[in-house]
Each structure stands twice: as C-alpha cells, then as structure tokens.
Amino acid sequence: MQLAFTGAPSGAAQSIRVKRVELVDGTGRLIGELTSMHPTVWDQNGTYGAWDQSVPANQALSVSYGLTSPDWIKMGKRYDRTYTLKVVLSLGPTDRALQRDVQLIAPARLPAMVDT
C-alpha cells in the first residue's frame, strides 16, 4: 500500500500508525482484514528505505507498507472484479479513514500448444 503525507507547516513531527486495513468486495462484504508491515519511505536516492512512521513539519513523504494477503482460496472467482481497500490511520491524536477502489485483473495466459 502506498500513501503520501505532508507534514504540518510548523511544529513537531507527526506520528503515523496504521490501525486497520480491510478489503471488501463490490457488494460491501468483508473479504478480510489485512495486516500492515514493513513501513518504508521513498528517499532522495530513489529507493525505499526504513521509516520510523513520522512526518517532519513541512515535509512531503511517499511511503509504502507491505500488506498480508486475504484468503483468496475461500473467494472462488477473484479476478476481473473491483474491490475496495479501507484504511484507518492515526495521525498524531486524530484518526482518519481512507478508501480506494482497486481492480484485480486476470493474469495473461497463452493459449495451449503455442510455440514461444
């Protein structure tokens, strides 16, 4: 999961914590709660590096969290569908809810018996 933050114009750094991540299907049914892990930040060298989950004042950050996978086997047909990722973050003393629709497209497959 990738997020972007901009620190307050002045003052102390703001701490960030992912409180909950849920994946729901197009009908609103909960597919699973995902665990966030390994927070990283995009640095000046053009790579992701370790991140302490704080946003300094007046600084823009692009960050990434790894997420666990839902139990796709219980899903049945999972491709060519739209899902919603719902996230609750704590930004200092305040909780914020975010959500984003994502599409899971079927992987490309070659027809049988094709020379490659």
N, C-alpha and C. Protein backbone atom coordinates (compact mmCIF):
# COMPACT_ATOMS: atom_id res chain seq x y z
N MET A 1 0.86 -1.15 0.00
CA MET A 1 0.00 0.00 0.00
C MET A 1 0.91 1.22 0.00
N GLN A 2 0.65 2.15 -0.90
CA GLN A 2 1.45 3.37 -0.99
C GLN A 2 0.60 4.57 -0.61
N LEU A 3 1.18 5.45 0.20
CA LEU A 3 0.50 6.64 0.69
C LEU A 3 1.44 7.83 0.57
N ALA A 4 0.86 9.03 0.55
CA ALA A 4 1.66 10.26 0.55
C ALA A 4 1.18 11.13 1.70
N PHE A 5 2.12 11.74 2.40
CA PHE A 5 1.82 12.62 3.53
C PHE A 5 2.60 13.92 3.38
N THR A 6 2.02 15.00 3.89
CA THR A 6 2.74 16.26 4.01
C THR A 6 2.61 16.71 5.45
N GLY A 7 3.75 16.98 6.08
CA GLY A 7 3.75 17.40 7.47
C GLY A 7 3.13 18.77 7.66
N ALA A 8 2.69 19.04 8.89
CA ALA A 8 2.11 20.34 9.22
C ALA A 8 3.11 21.44 8.88
N PRO A 9 2.63 22.67 8.61
CA PRO A 9 3.52 23.76 8.22
C PRO A 9 4.61 24.06 9.25
N SER A 10 4.35 23.84 10.52
CA SER A 10 5.37 24.07 11.54
C SER A 10 5.08 23.17 12.72
N GLY A 11 6.02 23.10 13.64
CA GLY A 11 5.82 22.30 14.84
C GLY A 11 6.57 20.99 14.79
N ALA A 12 6.15 20.09 15.65
CA ALA A 12 6.82 18.80 15.78
C ALA A 12 6.38 17.85 14.67
N ALA A 13 7.16 16.80 14.49
CA ALA A 13 6.81 15.75 13.53
C ALA A 13 5.51 15.07 13.98
N GLN A 14 4.74 14.61 13.02
CA GLN A 14 3.51 13.88 13.32
C GLN A 14 3.77 12.39 13.21
N SER A 15 3.28 11.63 14.17
CA SER A 15 3.44 10.18 14.09
C SER A 15 2.25 9.59 13.33
N ILE A 16 2.54 8.54 12.57
CA ILE A 16 1.55 7.85 11.76
C ILE A 16 1.48 6.41 12.26
N ARG A 17 0.27 5.86 12.32
CA ARG A 17 0.12 4.45 12.65
C ARG A 17 -1.08 3.90 11.88
N VAL A 18 -0.88 2.77 11.22
CA VAL A 18 -1.98 2.11 10.53
C VAL A 18 -2.72 1.28 11.57
N LYS A 19 -3.98 1.62 11.78
CA LYS A 19 -4.78 0.92 12.79
C LYS A 19 -5.53 -0.27 12.22
N ARG A 20 -6.02 -0.14 10.98
CA ARG A 20 -6.81 -1.22 10.40
C ARG A 20 -6.79 -1.10 8.88
N VAL A 21 -6.72 -2.25 8.22
CA VAL A 21 -6.83 -2.33 6.76
C VAL A 21 -7.81 -3.45 6.43
N GLU A 22 -8.85 -3.11 5.69
CA GLU A 22 -9.86 -4.10 5.30
C GLU A 22 -10.00 -4.12 3.79
N LEU A 23 -10.26 -5.32 3.26
CA LEU A 23 -10.55 -5.48 1.85
C LEU A 23 -11.99 -5.96 1.73
N VAL A 24 -12.81 -5.21 0.98
CA VAL A 24 -14.22 -5.58 0.79
C VAL A 24 -14.50 -5.75 -0.69
N ASP A 25 -15.49 -6.59 -1.00
CA ASP A 25 -15.83 -6.79 -2.41
C ASP A 25 -16.82 -5.74 -2.87
N GLY A 26 -17.25 -5.85 -4.11
CA GLY A 26 -18.14 -4.85 -4.71
C GLY A 26 -19.50 -4.75 -4.05
N THR A 27 -19.90 -5.77 -3.27
CA THR A 27 -21.18 -5.73 -2.56
C THR A 27 -21.03 -5.20 -1.14
N GLY A 28 -19.77 -4.90 -0.74
CA GLY A 28 -19.52 -4.42 0.61
C GLY A 28 -19.21 -5.52 1.60
N ARG A 29 -19.15 -6.77 1.12
CA ARG A 29 -18.83 -7.91 2.00
C ARG A 29 -17.35 -7.90 2.34
N LEU A 30 -17.04 -8.06 3.62
CA LEU A 30 -15.64 -8.09 4.06
C LEU A 30 -14.96 -9.34 3.56
N ILE A 31 -13.88 -9.16 2.80
CA ILE A 31 -13.06 -10.27 2.33
C ILE A 31 -12.08 -10.67 3.42
N GLY A 32 -11.48 -9.67 4.05
CA GLY A 32 -10.53 -9.96 5.12
C GLY A 32 -9.90 -8.70 5.65
N GLU A 33 -9.42 -8.81 6.88
CA GLU A 33 -8.63 -7.73 7.47
C GLU A 33 -7.17 -8.05 7.21
N LEU A 34 -6.45 -7.10 6.64
CA LEU A 34 -5.05 -7.28 6.27
C LEU A 34 -4.16 -6.62 7.31
N THR A 35 -3.00 -7.18 7.50
CA THR A 35 -2.03 -6.64 8.45
C THR A 35 -0.99 -5.82 7.69
N SER A 36 -0.75 -4.59 8.15
CA SER A 36 0.31 -3.78 7.52
C SER A 36 1.63 -4.09 8.20
N MET A 37 2.70 -3.99 7.42
CA MET A 37 4.03 -4.32 7.96
C MET A 37 5.10 -3.62 7.14
N HIS A 38 6.28 -3.59 7.68
CA HIS A 38 7.47 -3.07 6.99
C HIS A 38 7.29 -1.67 6.39
N PRO A 39 7.00 -0.66 7.21
CA PRO A 39 6.85 0.70 6.66
C PRO A 39 8.18 1.19 6.07
N THR A 40 8.11 1.75 4.88
CA THR A 40 9.29 2.30 4.22
C THR A 40 8.95 3.67 3.64
N VAL A 41 9.98 4.45 3.36
CA VAL A 41 9.81 5.79 2.80
C VAL A 41 10.69 5.91 1.56
N TRP A 42 10.20 6.61 0.54
CA TRP A 42 10.96 6.88 -0.68
C TRP A 42 11.98 7.95 -0.36
N ASP A 43 13.25 7.68 -0.64
CA ASP A 43 14.30 8.63 -0.25
C ASP A 43 14.91 9.34 -1.45
N GLN A 44 15.87 10.21 -1.18
CA GLN A 44 16.49 11.03 -2.24
C GLN A 44 17.31 10.19 -3.21
N ASN A 45 17.64 8.96 -2.84
CA ASN A 45 18.40 8.09 -3.74
C ASN A 45 17.51 7.32 -4.71
N GLY A 46 16.19 7.53 -4.59
CA GLY A 46 15.27 6.84 -5.48
C GLY A 46 14.99 5.41 -5.07
N THR A 47 15.06 5.12 -3.78
CA THR A 47 14.77 3.78 -3.28
C THR A 47 13.94 3.90 -2.00
N TYR A 48 13.28 2.82 -1.66
CA TYR A 48 12.57 2.77 -0.38
C TYR A 48 13.54 2.34 0.70
N GLY A 49 13.47 3.03 1.86
CA GLY A 49 14.31 2.70 3.00
C GLY A 49 13.48 2.67 4.27
N ALA A 50 14.09 2.23 5.34
CA ALA A 50 13.40 2.13 6.62
C ALA A 50 12.77 3.48 7.00
N TRP A 51 11.63 3.41 7.69
CA TRP A 51 10.90 4.61 8.07
C TRP A 51 10.37 4.46 9.48
N ASP A 52 10.50 5.50 10.27
CA ASP A 52 10.05 5.46 11.68
C ASP A 52 8.59 5.87 11.84
N GLN A 53 7.86 6.01 10.76
CA GLN A 53 6.45 6.38 10.74
C GLN A 53 6.17 7.76 11.35
N SER A 54 7.09 8.69 11.10
CA SER A 54 6.84 10.08 11.49
C SER A 54 7.04 10.97 10.27
N VAL A 55 6.24 12.06 10.24
CA VAL A 55 6.31 13.01 9.13
C VAL A 55 6.78 14.34 9.71
N PRO A 56 8.00 14.77 9.37
CA PRO A 56 8.50 16.05 9.87
C PRO A 56 7.68 17.22 9.36
N ALA A 57 7.70 18.30 10.11
CA ALA A 57 6.97 19.51 9.73
C ALA A 57 7.38 19.96 8.33
N ASN A 58 6.39 20.34 7.53
CA ASN A 58 6.60 20.93 6.21
C ASN A 58 7.40 20.04 5.26
N GLN A 59 7.26 18.73 5.41
CA GLN A 59 7.97 17.81 4.53
C GLN A 59 6.97 16.85 3.90
N ALA A 60 7.13 16.61 2.59
CA ALA A 60 6.27 15.67 1.87
C ALA A 60 6.98 14.32 1.79
N LEU A 61 6.25 13.26 2.10
CA LEU A 61 6.81 11.91 2.06
C LEU A 61 5.92 11.00 1.23
N SER A 62 6.55 10.10 0.49
CA SER A 62 5.86 8.99 -0.16
C SER A 62 6.28 7.74 0.58
N VAL A 63 5.31 7.00 1.10
CA VAL A 63 5.63 5.84 1.95
C VAL A 63 4.94 4.60 1.42
N SER A 64 5.40 3.46 1.89
CA SER A 64 4.83 2.19 1.47
C SER A 64 4.76 1.25 2.66
N TYR A 65 3.69 0.48 2.72
CA TYR A 65 3.53 -0.58 3.71
C TYR A 65 3.28 -1.89 2.96
N GLY A 66 3.91 -2.96 3.40
CA GLY A 66 3.55 -4.28 2.91
C GLY A 66 2.24 -4.68 3.56
N LEU A 67 1.43 -5.46 2.87
CA LEU A 67 0.17 -5.96 3.42
C LEU A 67 0.13 -7.48 3.29
N THR A 68 -0.47 -8.13 4.29
CA THR A 68 -0.71 -9.55 4.16
C THR A 68 -1.79 -9.77 3.11
N SER A 69 -1.89 -10.98 2.61
CA SER A 69 -2.89 -11.30 1.59
C SER A 69 -4.15 -11.87 2.24
N PRO A 70 -5.29 -11.61 1.64
CA PRO A 70 -6.51 -12.26 2.14
C PRO A 70 -6.49 -13.74 1.75
N ASP A 71 -7.41 -14.51 2.26
CA ASP A 71 -7.51 -15.92 1.92
C ASP A 71 -8.23 -16.05 0.59
N TRP A 72 -7.47 -15.94 -0.51
CA TRP A 72 -8.05 -15.94 -1.84
C TRP A 72 -8.73 -17.26 -2.18
N ILE A 73 -8.29 -18.35 -1.59
CA ILE A 73 -8.87 -19.67 -1.91
C ILE A 73 -10.35 -19.70 -1.53
N LYS A 74 -10.71 -19.07 -0.42
CA LYS A 74 -12.10 -19.03 0.01
C LYS A 74 -12.96 -18.14 -0.90
N MET A 75 -12.32 -17.32 -1.71
CA MET A 75 -13.03 -16.36 -2.54
C MET A 75 -13.70 -16.98 -3.76
N GLY A 76 -13.14 -18.06 -4.28
CA GLY A 76 -13.64 -18.58 -5.56
C GLY A 76 -13.11 -17.70 -6.68
N LYS A 77 -13.99 -17.23 -7.55
CA LYS A 77 -13.56 -16.36 -8.65
C LYS A 77 -13.14 -15.01 -8.08
N ARG A 78 -11.90 -14.67 -8.27
CA ARG A 78 -11.41 -13.41 -7.68
C ARG A 78 -10.94 -12.40 -8.72
N TYR A 79 -10.73 -12.83 -9.95
CA TYR A 79 -10.23 -11.93 -10.97
C TYR A 79 -11.35 -11.17 -11.66
N ASP A 80 -10.97 -10.09 -12.35
CA ASP A 80 -11.90 -9.25 -13.10
C ASP A 80 -13.02 -8.71 -12.21
N ARG A 81 -12.62 -8.27 -11.04
CA ARG A 81 -13.56 -7.70 -10.07
C ARG A 81 -12.94 -6.44 -9.46
N THR A 82 -13.81 -5.61 -8.91
CA THR A 82 -13.35 -4.41 -8.21
C THR A 82 -13.53 -4.62 -6.72
N TYR A 83 -12.51 -4.28 -5.97
CA TYR A 83 -12.52 -4.38 -4.51
C TYR A 83 -12.26 -2.98 -3.95
N THR A 84 -12.54 -2.80 -2.68
CA THR A 84 -12.25 -1.55 -2.00
C THR A 84 -11.33 -1.83 -0.83
N LEU A 85 -10.23 -1.10 -0.78
CA LEU A 85 -9.30 -1.18 0.33
C LEU A 85 -9.65 -0.04 1.28
N LYS A 86 -10.01 -0.38 2.52
CA LYS A 86 -10.37 0.61 3.52
C LYS A 86 -9.29 0.64 4.59
N VAL A 87 -8.81 1.84 4.90
CA VAL A 87 -7.69 2.01 5.82
C VAL A 87 -8.07 3.03 6.90
N VAL A 88 -7.74 2.72 8.14
CA VAL A 88 -7.88 3.68 9.22
C VAL A 88 -6.48 3.96 9.75
N LEU A 89 -6.10 5.24 9.72
CA LEU A 89 -4.78 5.69 10.19
C LEU A 89 -4.94 6.57 11.40
N SER A 90 -3.96 6.54 12.29
CA SER A 90 -3.91 7.58 13.32
C SER A 90 -2.80 8.53 12.91
N LEU A 91 -3.14 9.81 12.85
CA LEU A 91 -2.20 10.88 12.53
C LEU A 91 -2.08 11.72 13.79
N GLY A 92 -1.08 11.42 14.60
CA GLY A 92 -1.00 12.07 15.90
C GLY A 92 -2.20 11.64 16.72
N PRO A 93 -2.97 12.58 17.24
CA PRO A 93 -4.13 12.22 18.07
C PRO A 93 -5.42 11.97 17.27
N THR A 94 -5.38 12.11 15.96
CA THR A 94 -6.59 12.05 15.13
C THR A 94 -6.61 10.79 14.27
N ASP A 95 -7.78 10.15 14.18
CA ASP A 95 -7.95 9.02 13.27
C ASP A 95 -8.53 9.53 11.95
N ARG A 96 -8.06 8.95 10.86
CA ARG A 96 -8.54 9.29 9.52
C ARG A 96 -8.86 8.00 8.78
N ALA A 97 -9.96 8.01 8.05
CA ALA A 97 -10.35 6.86 7.23
C ALA A 97 -10.11 7.18 5.76
N LEU A 98 -9.53 6.24 5.05
CA LEU A 98 -9.27 6.37 3.62
C LEU A 98 -9.82 5.13 2.94
N GLN A 99 -10.18 5.27 1.68
CA GLN A 99 -10.53 4.08 0.92
C GLN A 99 -10.21 4.30 -0.54
N ARG A 100 -9.94 3.20 -1.22
CA ARG A 100 -9.57 3.26 -2.63
C ARG A 100 -10.07 2.01 -3.32
N ASP A 101 -10.73 2.17 -4.46
CA ASP A 101 -11.13 1.03 -5.26
C ASP A 101 -9.93 0.49 -6.00
N VAL A 102 -9.84 -0.83 -6.07
CA VAL A 102 -8.75 -1.49 -6.79
C VAL A 102 -9.37 -2.58 -7.66
N GLN A 103 -8.77 -2.81 -8.82
CA GLN A 103 -9.25 -3.86 -9.71
C GLN A 103 -8.22 -4.96 -9.77
N LEU A 104 -8.70 -6.19 -9.69
CA LEU A 104 -7.85 -7.35 -9.82
C LEU A 104 -8.16 -7.97 -11.18
N ILE A 105 -7.21 -7.84 -12.11
CA ILE A 105 -7.39 -8.30 -13.49
C ILE A 105 -6.77 -9.68 -13.63
N ALA A 106 -7.41 -10.53 -14.43
CA ALA A 106 -6.90 -11.88 -14.65
C ALA A 106 -5.51 -11.82 -15.26
N PRO A 107 -4.62 -12.70 -14.81
CA PRO A 107 -3.28 -12.73 -15.40
C PRO A 107 -3.35 -13.17 -16.86
N ALA A 108 -2.43 -12.66 -17.65
CA ALA A 108 -2.37 -13.02 -19.07
C ALA A 108 -1.91 -14.47 -19.20
N ARG A 109 -2.56 -15.19 -20.09
CA ARG A 109 -2.20 -16.60 -20.32
C ARG A 109 -2.11 -16.83 -21.81
N LEU A 110 -1.13 -17.64 -22.19
CA LEU A 110 -1.00 -18.03 -23.59
C LEU A 110 -1.95 -19.18 -23.88
N PRO A 111 -2.50 -19.24 -25.09
CA PRO A 111 -3.33 -20.40 -25.44
C PRO A 111 -2.48 -21.67 -25.40
N ALA A 112 -3.11 -22.79 -25.18
CA ALA A 112 -2.38 -24.07 -25.13
C ALA A 112 -1.72 -24.36 -26.47
N MET A 113 -0.61 -25.05 -26.42
CA MET A 113 0.13 -25.51 -27.60
C MET A 113 0.61 -24.39 -28.50
N VAL A 114 1.08 -23.30 -27.93
CA VAL A 114 1.64 -22.21 -28.72
C VAL A 114 3.15 -22.23 -28.53
N ASP A 115 3.89 -22.25 -29.65
CA ASP A 115 5.33 -22.20 -29.58
C ASP A 115 5.76 -20.81 -29.15
N THR A 116 6.66 -20.77 -28.18
CA THR A 116 7.18 -19.48 -27.72
C THR A 116 8.67 -19.43 -27.86
